[in-house]
Amino acid sequence: MRSHRFVKKKTPLQLLRKAAPALATCLILAVFYAAVVSLSGNASQEQKKNLEATLRRGIMQCYALEGAYPESLDYLLANYPVYYDKNSFFIDYQTIGQNIYPSVSVIEKK
């Protein structure tokens, strides 16, 4: 049988010192991941706000030049500078009448 007389037992503090770099790395990665997720959500919201503003400008420009609001979203997109990512957003465009501002909703696709 072997004697364990000369083997030192590791204390919890020694184990913690060895694990500290790995724990610090995990913590830094978790904070970085949370920051990236937060920024991507903010960027998407900003894109949506910009698209809504662009649609309003296009609709008002059409009304100013033609005397009527655009009859459809396709007409607005074809004749005025309104561009958007169709894979990221859905636009619900409902006309009520020629001289009544249309109902426009921008919906983010997931």
C-alpha atoms as a PDB file:
ATOM      1  CA  MET A   1       0.000   0.000   0.000  1.00  0.00           C
ATOM      2  CA  ARG A   2       1.042   3.512  -0.740  1.00  0.00           C
ATOM      3  CA  SER A   3       1.436   6.115   1.889  1.00  0.00           C
ATOM      4  CA  HIS A   4      -0.204   9.518   1.375  1.00  0.00           C
ATOM      5  CA  ARG A   5       1.890  11.079   4.028  1.00  0.00           C
ATOM      6  CA  PHE A   6       3.656  13.561   1.725  1.00  0.00           C
ATOM      7  CA  VAL A   7       0.643  14.595  -0.393  1.00  0.00           C
ATOM      8  CA  LYS A   8      -0.788  17.948   0.574  1.00  0.00           C
ATOM      9  CA  LYS A   9      -4.519  18.406   0.468  1.00  0.00           C
ATOM     10  CA  LYS A  10      -5.682  21.450  -1.442  1.00  0.00           C
ATOM     11  CA  THR A  11      -7.664  23.991   0.496  1.00  0.00           C
ATOM     12  CA  PRO A  12     -10.782  25.618  -0.952  1.00  0.00           C
ATOM     13  CA  LEU A  13      -8.871  28.891  -1.310  1.00  0.00           C
ATOM     14  CA  GLN A  14      -6.236  27.219  -3.495  1.00  0.00           C
ATOM     15  CA  LEU A  15      -8.934  25.675  -5.672  1.00  0.00           C
ATOM     16  CA  LEU A  16     -10.620  29.063  -6.019  1.00  0.00           C
ATOM     17  CA  ARG A  17      -7.347  30.676  -7.128  1.00  0.00           C
ATOM     18  CA  LYS A  18      -6.985  28.106  -9.896  1.00  0.00           C
ATOM     19  CA  ALA A  19     -10.607  28.537 -11.047  1.00  0.00           C
ATOM     20  CA  ALA A  20     -10.632  32.366 -10.893  1.00  0.00           C
ATOM     21  CA  PRO A  21      -9.354  32.985 -14.462  1.00  0.00           C
ATOM     22  CA  ALA A  22     -11.961  30.637 -15.927  1.00  0.00           C
ATOM     23  CA  LEU A  23     -14.741  32.248 -13.882  1.00  0.00           C
ATOM     24  CA  ALA A  24     -13.596  35.735 -14.905  1.00  0.00           C
ATOM     25  CA  THR A  25     -13.565  34.702 -18.568  1.00  0.00           C
ATOM     26  CA  CYS A  26     -17.093  33.300 -18.301  1.00  0.00           C
ATOM     27  CA  LEU A  27     -18.300  36.499 -16.646  1.00  0.00           C
ATOM     28  CA  ILE A  28     -16.737  38.691 -19.337  1.00  0.00           C
ATOM     29  CA  LEU A  29     -18.284  36.551 -22.090  1.00  0.00           C
ATOM     30  CA  ALA A  30     -21.710  36.745 -20.447  1.00  0.00           C
ATOM     31  CA  VAL A  31     -21.527  40.550 -20.195  1.00  0.00           C
ATOM     32  CA  PHE A  32     -20.364  40.807 -23.821  1.00  0.00           C
ATOM     33  CA  TYR A  33     -23.219  38.569 -25.015  1.00  0.00           C
ATOM     34  CA  ALA A  34     -25.789  40.622 -23.093  1.00  0.00           C
ATOM     35  CA  ALA A  35     -24.420  43.832 -24.632  1.00  0.00           C
ATOM     36  CA  VAL A  36     -24.597  42.422 -28.176  1.00  0.00           C
ATOM     37  CA  VAL A  37     -28.181  41.245 -27.687  1.00  0.00           C
ATOM     38  CA  SER A  38     -29.185  44.628 -26.285  1.00  0.00           C
ATOM     39  CA  LEU A  39     -27.558  46.550 -29.141  1.00  0.00           C
ATOM     40  CA  SER A  40     -29.141  44.384 -31.830  1.00  0.00           C
ATOM     41  CA  GLY A  41     -32.582  44.977 -30.314  1.00  0.00           C
ATOM     42  CA  ASN A  42     -31.975  48.731 -30.240  1.00  0.00           C
ATOM     43  CA  ALA A  43     -30.783  48.726 -33.867  1.00  0.00           C
ATOM     44  CA  SER A  44     -33.926  46.920 -34.982  1.00  0.00           C
ATOM     45  CA  GLN A  45     -36.150  49.429 -33.167  1.00  0.00           C
ATOM     46  CA  GLU A  46     -34.218  52.289 -34.763  1.00  0.00           C
ATOM     47  CA  GLN A  47     -34.692  50.759 -38.229  1.00  0.00           C
ATOM     48  CA  LYS A  48     -38.422  50.487 -37.583  1.00  0.00           C
ATOM     49  CA  LYS A  49     -38.648  54.154 -36.510  1.00  0.00           C
ATOM     50  CA  ASN A  50     -36.695  55.239 -39.592  1.00  0.00           C
ATOM     51  CA  LEU A  51     -38.970  53.208 -41.868  1.00  0.00           C
ATOM     52  CA  GLU A  52     -42.083  54.748 -40.292  1.00  0.00           C
ATOM     53  CA  ALA A  53     -40.635  58.251 -40.802  1.00  0.00           C
ATOM     54  CA  THR A  54     -39.709  57.447 -44.416  1.00  0.00           C
ATOM     55  CA  LEU A  55     -43.236  56.195 -45.096  1.00  0.00           C
ATOM     56  CA  ARG A  56     -44.747  59.376 -43.614  1.00  0.00           C
ATOM     57  CA  ARG A  57     -42.471  61.551 -45.777  1.00  0.00           C
ATOM     58  CA  GLY A  58     -43.331  59.571 -48.913  1.00  0.00           C
ATOM     59  CA  ILE A  59     -47.066  59.739 -48.208  1.00  0.00           C
ATOM     60  CA  MET A  60     -46.939  63.491 -47.551  1.00  0.00           C
ATOM     61  CA  GLN A  61     -44.793  64.101 -50.629  1.00  0.00           C
ATOM     62  CA  CYS A  62     -47.325  62.225 -52.765  1.00  0.00           C
ATOM     63  CA  TYR A  63     -50.167  64.277 -51.308  1.00  0.00           C
ATOM     64  CA  ALA A  64     -48.283  67.541 -51.888  1.00  0.00           C
ATOM     65  CA  LEU A  65     -47.434  66.723 -55.504  1.00  0.00           C
ATOM     66  CA  GLU A  66     -50.565  64.875 -56.634  1.00  0.00           C
ATOM     67  CA  GLY A  67     -53.299  66.204 -54.363  1.00  0.00           C
ATOM     68  CA  ALA A  68     -54.208  62.726 -53.075  1.00  0.00           C
ATOM     69  CA  TYR A  69     -52.670  60.151 -50.810  1.00  0.00           C
ATOM     70  CA  PRO A  70     -51.115  57.067 -52.463  1.00  0.00           C
ATOM     71  CA  GLU A  71     -53.745  54.501 -53.402  1.00  0.00           C
ATOM     72  CA  SER A  72     -51.554  51.566 -52.367  1.00  0.00           C
ATOM     73  CA  LEU A  73     -48.206  50.677 -50.895  1.00  0.00           C
ATOM     74  CA  ASP A  74     -47.045  49.430 -54.299  1.00  0.00           C
ATOM     75  CA  TYR A  75     -47.785  52.852 -55.820  1.00  0.00           C
ATOM     76  CA  LEU A  76     -45.870  54.574 -53.039  1.00  0.00           C
ATOM     77  CA  LEU A  77     -42.860  52.259 -53.428  1.00  0.00           C
ATOM     78  CA  ALA A  78     -42.820  52.590 -57.221  1.00  0.00           C
ATOM     79  CA  ASN A  79     -43.095  56.389 -57.403  1.00  0.00           C
ATOM     80  CA  TYR A  80     -41.427  57.751 -54.274  1.00  0.00           C
ATOM     81  CA  PRO A  81     -38.085  57.121 -52.533  1.00  0.00           C
ATOM     82  CA  VAL A  82     -39.247  54.566 -49.974  1.00  0.00           C
ATOM     83  CA  TYR A  83     -37.043  51.497 -49.607  1.00  0.00           C
ATOM     84  CA  TYR A  84     -37.028  48.839 -46.903  1.00  0.00           C
ATOM     85  CA  ASP A  85     -35.920  45.293 -46.135  1.00  0.00           C
ATOM     86  CA  LYS A  86     -38.894  43.091 -46.976  1.00  0.00           C
ATOM     87  CA  ASN A  87     -37.320  40.194 -45.062  1.00  0.00           C
ATOM     88  CA  SER A  88     -37.250  42.215 -41.827  1.00  0.00           C
ATOM     89  CA  PHE A  89     -40.465  44.249 -41.938  1.00  0.00           C
ATOM     90  CA  PHE A  90     -44.068  43.918 -43.056  1.00  0.00           C
ATOM     91  CA  ILE A  91     -46.030  47.057 -43.897  1.00  0.00           C
ATOM     92  CA  ASP A  92     -49.803  47.057 -43.505  1.00  0.00           C
ATOM     93  CA  TYR A  93     -51.118  49.879 -45.709  1.00  0.00           C
ATOM     94  CA  GLN A  94     -54.857  50.563 -45.695  1.00  0.00           C
ATOM     95  CA  THR A  95     -56.432  53.395 -47.652  1.00  0.00           C
ATOM     96  CA  ILE A  96     -59.625  54.951 -46.372  1.00  0.00           C
ATOM     97  CA  GLY A  97     -60.193  57.512 -49.115  1.00  0.00           C
ATOM     98  CA  GLN A  98     -58.298  59.820 -51.444  1.00  0.00           C
ATOM     99  CA  ASN A  99     -58.148  62.723 -49.035  1.00  0.00           C
ATOM    100  CA  ILE A 100     -57.908  60.805 -45.763  1.00  0.00           C
ATOM    101  CA  TYR A 101     -54.497  59.869 -44.441  1.00  0.00           C
ATOM    102  CA  PRO A 102     -53.995  56.090 -44.862  1.00  0.00           C
ATOM    103  CA  SER A 103     -53.564  53.700 -41.962  1.00  0.00           C
ATOM    104  CA  VAL A 104     -49.951  52.488 -41.985  1.00  0.00           C
ATOM    105  CA  SER A 105     -48.462  49.925 -39.591  1.00  0.00           C
ATOM    106  CA  VAL A 106     -44.895  48.638 -39.657  1.00  0.00           C
ATOM    107  CA  ILE A 107     -44.523  45.160 -38.184  1.00  0.00           C
ATOM    108  CA  GLU A 108     -41.146  43.605 -37.473  1.00  0.00           C
ATOM    109  CA  LYS A 109     -40.716  40.037 -38.696  1.00  0.00           C
ATOM    110  CA  LYS A 110     -38.913  37.671 -36.339  1.00  0.00           C
END
